[in-house]
Amino acid sequence: MSDKSFLAWPFFEAKHRELSEQLEAWCRAELPRNHSDVDATCIQLVRDLGKAGVLEGTAGKHIDVRSLCLIRETLARHDGLADFAFAMQGLGTGAISLYGSDEQKQWLDKTRRGEAISAFALSEPRSGSDVAQLDTTAARDGDSYRINGEKTWISNGGIADIYTVFARTGEGPGAKGLSAFLVPADTPGLEVRERLESVAPHPLARLGFNDMVLPASALIGQPGQGFRIAMSVLDVFRSTVGAAALGFARRALEESLSRSRSRELFGATLSDLQMVQGHLADMALNVDAAALLVYRAAWTKDQGAERVTREAAMAKLFATDQAQQVIDQAVQLHGGDGVRKGHIIESLYREIRALRIYEGASDVQKVVIARSMLAEQ
């Protein structure tokens, strides 16, 4: 059982402790899942998470970020694909929750029940962390928009029912000329051009838009608000990436403690060796420090802060980078088992790497943090 003493921190309320207990029981009964068919497993996970009520907090006007982080941490500790399935439901509908029309928000009931899968289509071949460089265009054509371009590394690409798509509408240069659109998966002109494989089994795709025509009602918010919308969504969900990394790191530490207590070496258990004790201490330190940053960012947002850009960037940067170190140390402590396919440590090693890239790579988070400090008067 993972250490839950952090739930006594003042960041949390009784509802968070109750949520953690209920979700832990669900995870023990339902996870992990077989990943041999990633698409089918991911679709079923969304449905099951919806039936269990876990997706309720992923959409709506008031999103409790601490709850999102607790859910992602717990799911990640049990099954990386379950965390992915949960996270994309929130990220994919975040723009609709924050800026969508009443008509667009009708999709939220479906995504919360797990009856529809959502996706966030921002990254392109030429623009990942630099959102202002988007090449996909949305040209106004009477009462419609005509979309042309390409997106890549889109999570849930190929299995999603709705996509939030960002495109250049040209109200101004760079970031000032972007807009967001709600795109049902069956829209003519939307193409799944390639399914992508990564080191961790997730549904990913490269999407194309070939003269895809959308009604003006597909626009989320106002023309030219796309960059603001994207950043607002990431402001909410970036902390949760750190929480997922925290879940991976906690599991690695748990497995390492168990291994150290049972594995014998040179006539003693690993846990008797001072060098191993030092490694375990470093791992525990990194886990607790990451948790403090993650839940500080989440708490700050829940207290009504309009933006938590710096706090969220710090949480994601530190938690993901340190989780990588914790898991790498777990591999060392497990020896050959740590790289054996199918072993939990090997799985964690593959899962953690992408978190240091998506939703803003680690080096980009450093830029965000520095610019935030330099802008202060």
Protein backbone atom coordinates (compact mmCIF):
# COMPACT_ATOMS: atom_id res chain seq x y z
CA MET A 1 0.00 0.00 0.00
CA SER A 2 1.32 3.42 -0.96
CA ASP A 3 2.17 5.94 1.76
CA LYS A 4 -0.94 8.09 2.23
CA SER A 5 0.35 10.31 5.02
CA PHE A 6 0.50 13.23 2.57
CA LEU A 7 -3.31 13.34 2.59
CA ALA A 8 -3.06 14.91 6.07
CA TRP A 9 -1.32 17.95 4.54
CA PRO A 10 -3.36 21.19 4.69
CA PHE A 11 -3.72 21.15 0.90
CA PHE A 12 -6.49 18.57 1.24
CA GLU A 13 -10.05 18.44 2.54
CA ALA A 14 -12.14 15.52 3.76
CA LYS A 15 -13.60 15.06 0.27
CA HIS A 16 -10.13 14.45 -1.13
CA ARG A 17 -9.32 11.80 1.45
CA GLU A 18 -12.64 10.10 0.74
CA LEU A 19 -11.98 10.23 -3.01
CA SER A 20 -8.54 8.68 -2.53
CA GLU A 21 -9.94 5.82 -0.47
CA GLN A 22 -12.74 5.05 -2.91
CA LEU A 23 -10.49 5.21 -5.96
CA GLU A 24 -7.86 3.03 -4.33
CA ALA A 25 -10.48 0.32 -3.77
CA TRP A 26 -11.63 0.58 -7.41
CA CYS A 27 -8.06 0.35 -8.70
CA ARG A 28 -7.27 -2.72 -6.62
CA ALA A 29 -10.34 -4.44 -8.04
CA GLU A 30 -10.05 -3.30 -11.67
CA LEU A 31 -6.38 -2.69 -12.50
CA PRO A 32 -4.05 -3.35 -14.18
CA ARG A 33 -5.59 -4.24 -17.54
CA ASN A 34 -4.24 -6.31 -20.41
CA HIS A 35 -2.60 -3.98 -22.94
CA SER A 36 -2.37 -6.39 -25.87
CA ASP A 37 -5.04 -4.40 -27.75
CA VAL A 38 -4.32 -0.82 -26.71
CA ASP A 39 -7.24 0.79 -28.54
CA ALA A 40 -9.83 -1.63 -27.20
CA THR A 41 -8.41 -1.46 -23.68
CA CYS A 42 -8.34 2.33 -23.68
CA ILE A 43 -11.95 2.53 -24.92
CA GLN A 44 -13.09 0.08 -22.25
CA LEU A 45 -11.16 1.93 -19.55
CA VAL A 46 -12.94 5.17 -20.46
CA ARG A 47 -16.29 3.41 -20.28
CA ASP A 48 -15.49 1.79 -16.94
CA LEU A 49 -14.09 5.00 -15.45
CA GLY A 50 -17.28 6.73 -16.56
CA LYS A 51 -19.52 4.08 -14.99
CA ALA A 52 -17.56 4.32 -11.76
CA GLY A 53 -18.06 8.10 -11.67
CA VAL A 54 -14.33 8.80 -11.85
CA LEU A 55 -14.72 11.04 -14.91
CA GLU A 56 -17.24 13.37 -13.26
CA GLY A 57 -14.59 15.90 -12.31
CA THR A 58 -12.89 16.07 -15.72
CA ALA A 59 -15.34 18.58 -17.16
CA GLY A 60 -17.50 21.45 -16.01
CA LYS A 61 -17.21 25.09 -15.01
CA HIS A 62 -15.49 24.40 -11.69
CA ILE A 63 -12.78 21.75 -11.96
CA ASP A 64 -11.14 20.69 -8.70
CA VAL A 65 -7.50 20.35 -9.68
CA ARG A 66 -6.52 18.62 -6.45
CA SER A 67 -9.02 15.87 -7.23
CA LEU A 68 -7.68 15.54 -10.77
CA CYS A 69 -4.14 15.21 -9.41
CA LEU A 70 -5.13 12.64 -6.79
CA ILE A 71 -6.92 10.58 -9.44
CA ARG A 72 -4.01 10.71 -11.86
CA GLU A 73 -1.48 9.85 -9.16
CA THR A 74 -3.53 6.86 -8.02
CA LEU A 75 -4.31 5.54 -11.50
CA ALA A 76 -0.69 5.95 -12.64
CA ARG A 77 0.53 3.98 -9.64
CA HIS A 78 -1.69 1.06 -10.71
CA ASP A 79 -1.77 1.26 -14.54
CA GLY A 80 -0.26 3.84 -16.89
CA LEU A 81 -2.88 3.32 -19.58
CA ALA A 82 -5.68 3.91 -17.07
CA ASP A 83 -4.07 7.23 -16.18
CA PHE A 84 -3.80 8.09 -19.88
CA ALA A 85 -7.47 7.23 -20.50
CA PHE A 86 -8.57 9.45 -17.62
CA ALA A 87 -6.28 12.37 -18.41
CA MET A 88 -7.27 12.69 -22.06
CA GLN A 89 -10.96 12.96 -21.17
CA GLY A 90 -10.17 16.09 -19.21
CA LEU A 91 -7.59 17.59 -21.54
CA GLY A 92 -9.69 16.92 -24.63
CA THR A 93 -12.75 18.70 -23.23
CA GLY A 94 -10.97 21.39 -21.20
CA ALA A 95 -11.55 24.08 -23.83
CA ILE A 96 -15.25 23.22 -23.99
CA SER A 97 -15.57 23.31 -20.19
CA LEU A 98 -13.91 26.72 -19.95
CA TYR A 99 -15.07 28.47 -23.13
CA GLY A 100 -17.65 26.32 -24.90
CA SER A 101 -21.19 27.31 -25.87
CA ASP A 102 -24.22 25.64 -24.31
CA GLU A 103 -24.58 23.54 -27.44
CA GLN A 104 -20.93 22.44 -27.33
CA LYS A 105 -21.18 21.60 -23.63
CA GLN A 106 -23.74 18.92 -24.40
CA TRP A 107 -20.75 16.75 -25.28
CA LEU A 108 -19.55 16.97 -21.66
CA ASP A 109 -22.29 14.70 -20.35
CA LYS A 110 -21.14 12.01 -22.79
CA THR A 111 -17.46 12.36 -21.98
CA ARG A 112 -18.12 12.30 -18.22
CA ARG A 113 -20.16 9.12 -18.59
CA GLY A 114 -17.42 7.53 -20.71
CA GLU A 115 -19.75 7.35 -23.72
CA ALA A 116 -17.54 9.57 -25.89
CA ILE A 117 -13.76 9.84 -26.09
CA SER A 118 -12.09 13.23 -26.49
CA ALA A 119 -8.75 14.45 -27.84
CA PHE A 120 -6.69 17.66 -27.74
CA ALA A 121 -5.22 18.40 -31.18
CA LEU A 122 -2.55 21.07 -30.75
CA SER A 123 0.88 19.70 -31.75
CA GLU A 124 2.05 19.80 -35.36
CA PRO A 125 5.11 18.54 -37.23
CA ARG A 126 6.69 22.03 -37.05
CA SER A 127 5.29 23.22 -33.73
CA GLY A 128 5.19 21.32 -30.49
CA SER A 129 6.03 23.40 -27.45
CA ASP A 130 6.02 26.61 -29.58
CA VAL A 131 2.26 26.85 -30.06
CA ALA A 132 2.47 30.20 -31.82
CA GLN A 133 4.03 28.51 -34.89
CA LEU A 134 0.92 26.53 -35.86
CA ASP A 135 0.57 26.03 -39.63
CA THR A 136 -2.94 24.53 -39.77
CA THR A 137 -5.31 27.15 -41.19
CA ALA A 138 -9.00 27.84 -40.71
CA ALA A 139 -10.22 30.19 -43.43
CA ARG A 140 -13.61 31.86 -42.96
CA ASP A 141 -15.96 30.92 -45.80
CA GLY A 142 -19.33 32.60 -45.28
CA ASP A 143 -20.96 30.89 -42.30
CA SER A 144 -18.28 28.20 -42.24
CA TYR A 145 -14.59 27.61 -41.71
CA ARG A 146 -12.44 25.61 -44.11
CA ILE A 147 -9.63 23.77 -42.29
CA ASN A 148 -6.41 22.56 -43.91
CA GLY A 149 -3.29 21.22 -42.27
CA GLU A 150 -1.92 18.45 -40.08
CA LYS A 151 -1.56 17.53 -36.43
CA THR A 152 0.73 14.91 -34.96
CA TRP A 153 1.32 12.98 -31.73
CA ILE A 154 -2.36 13.39 -30.93
CA SER A 155 -3.37 11.29 -27.94
CA ASN A 156 -6.55 9.28 -28.61
CA GLY A 157 -6.03 9.99 -32.30
CA GLY A 158 -7.98 7.39 -34.24
CA ILE A 159 -10.30 6.40 -31.39
CA ALA A 160 -11.68 9.78 -30.29
CA ASP A 161 -15.26 10.85 -30.93
CA ILE A 162 -14.47 14.57 -30.66
CA TYR A 163 -11.34 16.63 -31.16
CA THR A 164 -10.48 20.11 -29.92
CA VAL A 165 -8.50 21.44 -32.87
CA PHE A 166 -6.40 24.61 -32.87
CA ALA A 167 -5.85 26.43 -36.16
CA ARG A 168 -4.70 29.76 -37.52
CA THR A 169 -7.56 32.14 -38.32
CA GLY A 170 -5.30 35.17 -38.84
CA GLU A 171 -6.65 37.85 -36.52
CA GLY A 172 -3.04 38.79 -35.78
CA PRO A 173 0.53 37.51 -36.06
CA GLY A 174 1.78 34.50 -34.16
CA ALA A 175 -0.21 33.55 -31.09
CA LYS A 176 -2.74 36.34 -31.67
CA GLY A 177 -4.16 34.67 -34.77
CA LEU A 178 -5.18 31.25 -33.42
CA SER A 179 -8.64 29.85 -32.73
CA ALA A 180 -10.09 26.63 -31.30
CA PHE A 181 -12.73 24.40 -32.85
CA LEU A 182 -14.87 21.46 -31.77
CA VAL A 183 -14.58 18.74 -34.42
CA PRO A 184 -16.64 15.51 -34.33
CA ALA A 185 -14.59 12.54 -35.54
CA ASP A 186 -16.98 11.83 -38.44
CA THR A 187 -16.50 15.29 -40.01
CA PRO A 188 -15.69 14.91 -43.75
CA GLY A 189 -12.12 15.95 -44.46
CA LEU A 190 -10.74 14.74 -41.12
CA GLU A 191 -8.25 11.96 -41.86
CA VAL A 192 -6.29 9.64 -39.61
CA ARG A 193 -3.14 9.56 -41.74
CA GLU A 194 -0.92 7.45 -39.52
CA ARG A 195 -1.13 5.59 -36.24
CA LEU A 196 1.99 6.24 -34.18
CA GLU A 197 3.72 3.89 -31.76
CA SER A 198 5.74 5.01 -28.76
CA VAL A 199 7.74 3.24 -26.07
CA ALA A 200 4.63 3.16 -23.85
CA PRO A 201 1.42 1.68 -25.32
CA HIS A 202 -0.92 4.60 -25.95
CA PRO A 203 -3.29 5.37 -28.85
CA LEU A 204 -1.57 8.10 -30.87
CA ALA A 205 -2.04 9.38 -34.41
CA ARG A 206 -1.11 11.88 -37.07
CA LEU A 207 -4.22 13.68 -38.28
CA GLY A 208 -4.86 15.51 -41.53
CA PHE A 209 -7.45 18.13 -42.46
CA ASN A 210 -8.23 18.22 -46.14
CA ASP A 211 -10.68 21.06 -46.91
CA MET A 212 -12.60 20.13 -43.80
CA VAL A 213 -15.64 22.40 -43.53
CA LEU A 214 -16.99 23.33 -40.10
CA PRO A 215 -20.00 25.51 -39.25
CA ALA A 216 -19.24 28.75 -37.45
CA SER A 217 -20.89 27.21 -34.38
CA ALA A 218 -17.87 24.85 -34.11
CA LEU A 219 -15.72 27.79 -32.97
CA ILE A 220 -14.90 27.56 -29.26
CA GLY A 221 -14.90 30.98 -27.65
CA GLN A 222 -14.07 33.92 -29.91
CA PRO A 223 -11.89 34.18 -33.04
CA GLY A 224 -8.26 34.78 -32.07
CA GLN A 225 -8.72 33.34 -28.57
CA GLY A 226 -7.07 30.01 -29.41
CA PHE A 227 -3.73 30.64 -27.70
CA ARG A 228 -5.43 31.92 -24.56
CA ILE A 229 -7.73 28.90 -24.55
CA ALA A 230 -4.87 26.45 -25.01
CA MET A 231 -2.82 28.04 -22.23
CA SER A 232 -5.82 28.14 -19.88
CA VAL A 233 -6.43 24.44 -20.41
CA LEU A 234 -2.76 23.62 -19.89
CA ASP A 235 -2.76 25.79 -16.77
CA VAL A 236 -5.36 23.44 -15.29
CA PHE A 237 -4.00 20.13 -16.52
CA ARG A 238 -0.21 20.64 -16.52
CA SER A 239 -0.07 20.06 -12.76
CA THR A 240 -1.79 16.73 -13.29
CA VAL A 241 1.07 15.56 -15.51
CA GLY A 242 3.32 16.03 -12.50
CA ALA A 243 0.80 14.04 -10.45
CA ALA A 244 0.95 11.14 -12.90
CA ALA A 245 4.76 11.20 -12.69
CA LEU A 246 4.40 11.20 -8.91
CA GLY A 247 2.23 8.08 -9.12
CA PHE A 248 4.84 6.31 -11.25
CA ALA A 249 7.58 7.34 -8.81
CA ARG A 250 5.62 6.17 -5.76
CA ARG A 251 5.11 2.75 -7.36
CA ALA A 252 8.81 2.51 -8.18
CA LEU A 253 9.69 3.36 -4.59
CA GLU A 254 7.21 0.80 -3.23
CA GLU A 255 8.60 -1.92 -5.45
CA SER A 256 12.16 -0.97 -4.52
CA LEU A 257 11.43 -1.12 -0.80
CA SER A 258 9.90 -4.57 -1.23
CA ARG A 259 12.84 -5.73 -3.33
CA SER A 260 15.37 -4.38 -0.85
CA ARG A 261 13.75 -6.20 2.06
CA SER A 262 13.61 -9.57 0.31
CA ARG A 263 16.66 -9.72 -1.99
CA GLU A 264 19.83 -11.16 -0.44
CA LEU A 265 23.30 -10.07 -1.47
CA PHE A 266 26.67 -10.87 0.18
CA GLY A 267 24.97 -12.58 3.11
CA ALA A 268 22.52 -9.80 3.88
CA THR A 269 19.43 -8.23 2.38
CA LEU A 270 19.82 -5.24 0.08
CA SER A 271 18.17 -3.11 2.73
CA ASP A 272 21.09 -3.79 5.08
CA LEU A 273 23.55 -2.15 2.70
CA GLN A 274 24.21 1.54 3.43
CA MET A 275 24.56 2.36 -0.25
CA VAL A 276 21.10 0.96 -0.94
CA GLN A 277 19.69 2.84 2.04
CA GLY A 278 21.13 6.01 0.54
CA HIS A 279 19.43 5.34 -2.77
CA LEU A 280 16.11 4.69 -1.05
CA ALA A 281 16.46 7.91 0.92
CA ASP A 282 17.10 9.89 -2.27
CA MET A 283 14.05 8.31 -3.90
CA ALA A 284 11.82 9.12 -0.93
CA LEU A 285 13.10 12.70 -0.84
CA ASN A 286 12.35 13.23 -4.51
CA VAL A 287 8.86 11.75 -4.15
CA ASP A 288 7.91 14.00 -1.23
CA ALA A 289 9.39 17.13 -2.81
CA ALA A 290 7.51 16.44 -6.04
CA ALA A 291 4.27 15.91 -4.13
CA LEU A 292 4.66 19.26 -2.37
CA LEU A 293 5.11 21.11 -5.67
CA VAL A 294 2.27 19.27 -7.42
CA TYR A 295 -0.28 19.82 -4.70
CA ARG A 296 0.82 23.40 -4.08
CA ALA A 297 0.05 24.19 -7.72
CA ALA A 298 -3.27 22.35 -7.58
CA TRP A 299 -4.28 24.01 -4.30
CA THR A 300 -3.35 27.46 -5.61
CA LYS A 301 -5.57 26.98 -8.67
CA ASP A 302 -8.43 25.67 -6.54
CA GLN A 303 -8.20 28.75 -4.32
CA GLY A 304 -9.27 30.84 -7.30
CA ALA A 305 -6.00 31.96 -8.85
CA GLU A 306 -6.66 33.01 -12.43
CA ARG A 307 -3.34 31.64 -13.63
CA VAL A 308 -0.83 29.28 -12.02
CA THR A 309 1.57 29.17 -14.94
CA ARG A 310 4.75 29.28 -12.87
CA GLU A 311 3.49 26.92 -10.15
CA ALA A 312 2.24 24.38 -12.71
CA ALA A 313 5.48 24.60 -14.69
CA MET A 314 7.54 23.98 -11.55
CA ALA A 315 5.35 21.03 -10.58
CA LYS A 316 5.53 19.40 -13.99
CA LEU A 317 9.25 20.03 -14.44
CA PHE A 318 10.37 18.77 -11.06
CA ALA A 319 7.95 15.86 -10.71
CA THR A 320 8.62 14.42 -14.15
CA ASP A 321 12.40 14.87 -14.04
CA GLN A 322 12.69 13.43 -10.54
CA ALA A 323 10.34 10.55 -11.31
CA GLN A 324 12.69 9.63 -14.15
CA GLN A 325 15.57 9.47 -11.64
CA VAL A 326 13.54 7.50 -9.09
CA ILE A 327 12.51 4.94 -11.67
CA ASP A 328 16.01 4.67 -13.10
CA GLN A 329 17.28 3.95 -9.59
CA ALA A 330 14.54 1.33 -9.20
CA VAL A 331 15.84 -0.36 -12.35
CA GLN A 332 19.30 -0.55 -10.79
CA LEU A 333 17.97 -2.02 -7.56
CA HIS A 334 15.99 -4.65 -9.50
CA GLY A 335 18.92 -5.68 -11.68
CA GLY A 336 17.92 -7.82 -14.65
CA ASP A 337 14.28 -7.85 -13.59
CA GLY A 338 14.24 -4.09 -14.00
CA VAL A 339 14.62 -4.39 -17.76
CA ARG A 340 12.63 -7.60 -18.23
CA LYS A 341 9.69 -7.03 -20.52
CA GLY A 342 6.43 -7.24 -18.63
CA HIS A 343 7.94 -6.41 -15.23
CA ILE A 344 6.35 -3.43 -13.48
CA ILE A 345 9.65 -1.53 -13.24
CA GLU A 346 10.31 -1.98 -16.96
CA SER A 347 6.79 -0.69 -17.63
CA LEU A 348 7.33 2.36 -15.43
CA TYR A 349 10.62 3.06 -17.21
CA ARG A 350 8.80 3.23 -20.54
CA GLU A 351 5.84 5.20 -19.18
CA ILE A 352 7.76 8.03 -17.54
CA ARG A 353 9.84 9.24 -20.48
CA ALA A 354 7.06 10.86 -22.49
CA LEU A 355 5.87 12.93 -19.53
CA ARG A 356 9.04 15.00 -19.75
CA ILE A 357 8.06 15.97 -23.30
CA TYR A 358 4.30 16.39 -23.71
CA GLU A 359 2.38 19.46 -22.50
CA GLY A 360 5.64 21.38 -22.62
CA ALA A 361 9.07 19.75 -22.55
CA SER A 362 11.28 20.14 -19.48
CA ASP A 363 13.49 22.81 -21.03
CA VAL A 364 10.41 24.79 -22.07
CA GLN A 365 9.15 24.70 -18.48
CA LYS A 366 12.42 26.31 -17.42
CA VAL A 367 11.81 29.12 -19.91
CA VAL A 368 8.27 29.56 -18.58
CA ILE A 369 9.51 29.75 -14.98
CA ALA A 370 12.32 32.20 -15.79
CA ARG A 371 10.07 34.50 -17.84
CA SER A 372 7.51 34.51 -15.04
CA MET A 373 10.13 35.66 -12.56
CA LEU A 374 11.65 38.23 -14.91
CA ALA A 375 8.23 39.74 -15.56
CA GLU A 376 7.70 40.48 -11.87
CA GLN A 377 8.15 44.08 -10.84
